[in-house]
Amino acid sequence: MNTKQIIAAAAIALVGSAAFAQEAVQNIEIPTSSNVQRADVKAEVLRARAAGELSNGEAVVVSAPAKSSTTLTRAAVRDEFLQARAAGKVVYVGDVAQYANDTAAPVRTREEVKAEARAFARLNQTANVQTAGY
C-alpha cells in the first residue's frame, strides 16, 4: 500500500511541476542604432540640468533651510522660553513643549460636563431598554 502511495505522489509531483516548466521568452526589440550622437545627448542633459528640468529620479533633494525673518538670536529665544516655562506658560504634550493659550477659557464647567454625562447615561439606559426586545 505504501508503494502505491509513493508512486502516485511522485507522479502527481512530476505532472504538477511540468506546468511550471515553461521557457521564458520575451519579444522585446531593442534598437541598436540611433540618429542622435553622444555629444548631442550630453549637451541636452547639461541644458536640462541648467534649466532645472532634469529630474533626480528617486533621490531626495535636500535644500538649505529657508532664512527666517526673525531678528532674535538663539540665546534670546532660549531666554524667552525659559521665562515662559518659569511662569507656567509652557505645556508639554508628549516630548513637545508648547506655549499655553492664556486666552482660552473652558466652555463648560466641570459640573456642567458631569450633568451632561448623567443625562446621556439616562438616555442611553432608556434606549437600551427600548431595544432589548429585538
C-alpha atoms as a PDB file:
ATOM      1  CA  MET A   1       0.000   0.000   0.000  1.00  0.00           C
ATOM      2  CA  ASN A   2       2.820   2.396   0.799  1.00  0.00           C
ATOM      3  CA  THR A   3       4.482   1.724  -2.547  1.00  0.00           C
ATOM      4  CA  LYS A   4       1.333   2.685  -4.457  1.00  0.00           C
ATOM      5  CA  GLN A   5       1.026   5.915  -2.471  1.00  0.00           C
ATOM      6  CA  ILE A   6       4.660   6.836  -3.083  1.00  0.00           C
ATOM      7  CA  ILE A   7       4.358   6.178  -6.826  1.00  0.00           C
ATOM      8  CA  ALA A   8       1.109   8.193  -7.011  1.00  0.00           C
ATOM      9  CA  ALA A   9       2.660  11.102  -5.106  1.00  0.00           C
ATOM     10  CA  ALA A  10       5.732  11.072  -7.377  1.00  0.00           C
ATOM     11  CA  ALA A  11       3.536  11.045 -10.499  1.00  0.00           C
ATOM     12  CA  ILE A  12       1.454  13.963  -9.226  1.00  0.00           C
ATOM     13  CA  ALA A  13       4.613  15.901  -8.365  1.00  0.00           C
ATOM     14  CA  LEU A  14       6.060  15.363 -11.848  1.00  0.00           C
ATOM     15  CA  VAL A  15       2.843  16.349 -13.596  1.00  0.00           C
ATOM     16  CA  GLY A  16       2.436  19.409 -11.353  1.00  0.00           C
ATOM     17  CA  SER A  17       5.976  20.628 -11.890  1.00  0.00           C
ATOM     18  CA  ALA A  18       5.629  20.291 -15.669  1.00  0.00           C
ATOM     19  CA  ALA A  19       3.116  23.134 -15.644  1.00  0.00           C
ATOM     20  CA  PHE A  20       5.795  25.477 -14.304  1.00  0.00           C
ATOM     21  CA  ALA A  21       8.484  24.358 -16.733  1.00  0.00           C
ATOM     22  CA  GLN A  22       7.781  26.891 -19.472  1.00  0.00           C
ATOM     23  CA  GLU A  23      10.530  28.651 -21.312  1.00  0.00           C
ATOM     24  CA  ALA A  24      10.719  32.380 -20.579  1.00  0.00           C
ATOM     25  CA  VAL A  25      10.527  34.115 -23.944  1.00  0.00           C
ATOM     26  CA  GLN A  26      10.344  37.861 -24.296  1.00  0.00           C
ATOM     27  CA  ASN A  27       9.927  39.539 -27.634  1.00  0.00           C
ATOM     28  CA  ILE A  28      11.402  42.919 -26.829  1.00  0.00           C
ATOM     29  CA  GLU A  29      13.062  44.722 -29.674  1.00  0.00           C
ATOM     30  CA  ILE A  30      15.911  46.985 -28.644  1.00  0.00           C
ATOM     31  CA  PRO A  31      17.067  49.489 -31.239  1.00  0.00           C
ATOM     32  CA  THR A  32      20.758  49.126 -31.861  1.00  0.00           C
ATOM     33  CA  SER A  33      21.279  52.309 -33.842  1.00  0.00           C
ATOM     34  CA  SER A  34      20.265  55.917 -33.341  1.00  0.00           C
ATOM     35  CA  ASN A  35      20.475  59.165 -35.237  1.00  0.00           C
ATOM     36  CA  VAL A  36      21.495  61.106 -32.118  1.00  0.00           C
ATOM     37  CA  GLN A  37      25.169  61.418 -31.293  1.00  0.00           C
ATOM     38  CA  ARG A  38      26.570  61.020 -27.773  1.00  0.00           C
ATOM     39  CA  ALA A  39      27.703  64.654 -27.727  1.00  0.00           C
ATOM     40  CA  ASP A  40      24.142  65.773 -28.558  1.00  0.00           C
ATOM     41  CA  VAL A  41      22.740  63.752 -25.669  1.00  0.00           C
ATOM     42  CA  LYS A  42      25.329  65.141 -23.239  1.00  0.00           C
ATOM     43  CA  ALA A  43      24.586  68.693 -24.393  1.00  0.00           C
ATOM     44  CA  GLU A  44      20.833  68.142 -23.902  1.00  0.00           C
ATOM     45  CA  VAL A  45      21.402  66.785 -20.380  1.00  0.00           C
ATOM     46  CA  LEU A  46      23.545  69.784 -19.450  1.00  0.00           C
ATOM     47  CA  ARG A  47      20.924  72.180 -20.858  1.00  0.00           C
ATOM     48  CA  ALA A  48      18.087  70.454 -18.960  1.00  0.00           C
ATOM     49  CA  ARG A  49      20.107  70.425 -15.745  1.00  0.00           C
ATOM     50  CA  ALA A  50      20.853  74.145 -16.047  1.00  0.00           C
ATOM     51  CA  ALA A  51      17.178  74.909 -16.740  1.00  0.00           C
ATOM     52  CA  GLY A  52      16.043  72.811 -13.749  1.00  0.00           C
ATOM     53  CA  GLU A  53      14.082  70.427 -15.980  1.00  0.00           C
ATOM     54  CA  LEU A  54      16.084  67.347 -15.044  1.00  0.00           C
ATOM     55  CA  SER A  55      14.522  65.030 -12.510  1.00  0.00           C
ATOM     56  CA  ASN A  56      16.798  63.416  -9.966  1.00  0.00           C
ATOM     57  CA  GLY A  57      14.915  60.135 -10.165  1.00  0.00           C
ATOM     58  CA  GLU A  58      14.162  58.650  -6.780  1.00  0.00           C
ATOM     59  CA  ALA A  59      16.786  60.682  -4.973  1.00  0.00           C
ATOM     60  CA  VAL A  60      15.571  63.108  -2.328  1.00  0.00           C
ATOM     61  CA  VAL A  61      16.824  66.618  -2.831  1.00  0.00           C
ATOM     62  CA  VAL A  62      17.548  68.381   0.431  1.00  0.00           C
ATOM     63  CA  SER A  63      17.746  72.104   0.066  1.00  0.00           C
ATOM     64  CA  ALA A  64      19.145  74.604   2.522  1.00  0.00           C
ATOM     65  CA  PRO A  65      16.682  75.689   5.212  1.00  0.00           C
ATOM     66  CA  ALA A  66      14.792  78.856   4.424  1.00  0.00           C
ATOM     67  CA  LYS A  67      16.012  82.017   6.062  1.00  0.00           C
ATOM     68  CA  SER A  68      13.701  83.137   8.830  1.00  0.00           C
ATOM     69  CA  SER A  69      12.550  86.711   9.097  1.00  0.00           C
ATOM     70  CA  THR A  70      13.202  86.937  12.835  1.00  0.00           C
ATOM     71  CA  THR A  71      15.872  89.177  14.262  1.00  0.00           C
ATOM     72  CA  LEU A  72      16.111  87.298  17.560  1.00  0.00           C
ATOM     73  CA  THR A  73      19.244  85.368  18.333  1.00  0.00           C
ATOM     74  CA  ARG A  74      19.221  81.789  19.526  1.00  0.00           C
ATOM     75  CA  ALA A  75      20.105  82.932  23.032  1.00  0.00           C
ATOM     76  CA  ALA A  76      17.206  85.416  23.076  1.00  0.00           C
ATOM     77  CA  VAL A  77      14.714  82.732  22.014  1.00  0.00           C
ATOM     78  CA  ARG A  78      16.073  80.353  24.654  1.00  0.00           C
ATOM     79  CA  ASP A  79      15.774  83.014  27.377  1.00  0.00           C
ATOM     80  CA  GLU A  80      12.198  83.775  26.297  1.00  0.00           C
ATOM     81  CA  PHE A  81      11.331  80.075  26.528  1.00  0.00           C
ATOM     82  CA  LEU A  82      12.927  79.697  29.969  1.00  0.00           C
ATOM     83  CA  GLN A  83      10.983  82.714  31.264  1.00  0.00           C
ATOM     84  CA  ALA A  84       7.715  81.310  29.878  1.00  0.00           C
ATOM     85  CA  ARG A  85       8.422  77.932  31.451  1.00  0.00           C
ATOM     86  CA  ALA A  86       9.170  79.543  34.822  1.00  0.00           C
ATOM     87  CA  ALA A  87       5.878  81.464  34.590  1.00  0.00           C
ATOM     88  CA  GLY A  88       3.962  78.245  33.902  1.00  0.00           C
ATOM     89  CA  LYS A  89       3.043  79.198  30.338  1.00  0.00           C
ATOM     90  CA  VAL A  90       4.567  76.091  28.736  1.00  0.00           C
ATOM     91  CA  VAL A  91       2.577  72.884  28.320  1.00  0.00           C
ATOM     92  CA  TYR A  92       4.266  69.582  27.479  1.00  0.00           C
ATOM     93  CA  VAL A  93       2.420  67.363  25.029  1.00  0.00           C
ATOM     94  CA  GLY A  94       4.426  64.164  24.876  1.00  0.00           C
ATOM     95  CA  ASP A  95       8.001  65.242  24.225  1.00  0.00           C
ATOM     96  CA  VAL A  96       6.999  68.552  22.649  1.00  0.00           C
ATOM     97  CA  ALA A  97       6.782  71.806  24.581  1.00  0.00           C
ATOM     98  CA  GLN A  98       4.057  74.218  23.514  1.00  0.00           C
ATOM     99  CA  TYR A  99       3.083  77.634  24.768  1.00  0.00           C
ATOM    100  CA  ALA A 100      -0.154  77.529  26.716  1.00  0.00           C
ATOM    101  CA  ASN A 101      -3.016  79.604  25.354  1.00  0.00           C
ATOM    102  CA  ASP A 102      -3.814  82.210  28.009  1.00  0.00           C
ATOM    103  CA  THR A 103      -6.996  83.410  26.320  1.00  0.00           C
ATOM    104  CA  ALA A 104      -8.665  80.010  26.033  1.00  0.00           C
ATOM    105  CA  ALA A 105     -11.238  79.564  28.764  1.00  0.00           C
ATOM    106  CA  PRO A 106     -13.180  76.359  29.317  1.00  0.00           C
ATOM    107  CA  VAL A 107     -16.512  76.449  27.522  1.00  0.00           C
ATOM    108  CA  ARG A 108     -18.262  74.438  30.241  1.00  0.00           C
ATOM    109  CA  THR A 109     -17.555  73.976  33.911  1.00  0.00           C
ATOM    110  CA  ARG A 110     -16.817  70.593  35.421  1.00  0.00           C
ATOM    111  CA  GLU A 111     -20.302  70.431  36.951  1.00  0.00           C
ATOM    112  CA  GLU A 112     -21.888  71.123  33.570  1.00  0.00           C
ATOM    113  CA  VAL A 113     -19.893  68.281  31.991  1.00  0.00           C
ATOM    114  CA  LYS A 114     -20.893  65.904  34.799  1.00  0.00           C
ATOM    115  CA  ALA A 115     -24.565  66.833  34.382  1.00  0.00           C
ATOM    116  CA  GLU A 116     -24.310  66.284  30.639  1.00  0.00           C
ATOM    117  CA  ALA A 117     -22.727  62.857  31.196  1.00  0.00           C
ATOM    118  CA  ARG A 118     -25.510  61.890  33.627  1.00  0.00           C
ATOM    119  CA  ALA A 119     -28.189  62.971  31.153  1.00  0.00           C
ATOM    120  CA  PHE A 120     -26.533  60.986  28.372  1.00  0.00           C
ATOM    121  CA  ALA A 121     -26.304  57.915  30.611  1.00  0.00           C
ATOM    122  CA  ARG A 122     -30.030  58.196  31.423  1.00  0.00           C
ATOM    123  CA  LEU A 123     -30.919  58.497  27.727  1.00  0.00           C
ATOM    124  CA  ASN A 124     -28.659  55.592  26.886  1.00  0.00           C
ATOM    125  CA  GLN A 125     -30.282  53.396  29.522  1.00  0.00           C
ATOM    126  CA  THR A 126     -33.771  54.105  28.188  1.00  0.00           C
ATOM    127  CA  ALA A 127     -32.565  53.420  24.640  1.00  0.00           C
ATOM    128  CA  ASN A 128     -31.189  50.052  25.771  1.00  0.00           C
ATOM    129  CA  VAL A 129     -34.498  49.188  27.451  1.00  0.00           C
ATOM    130  CA  GLN A 130     -36.452  50.045  24.287  1.00  0.00           C
ATOM    131  CA  THR A 131     -34.235  47.929  22.023  1.00  0.00           C
ATOM    132  CA  ALA A 132     -33.901  44.991  24.434  1.00  0.00           C
ATOM    133  CA  GLY A 133     -36.864  43.170  22.881  1.00  0.00           C
ATOM    134  CA  TYR A 134     -35.306  42.937  19.435  1.00  0.00           C
END
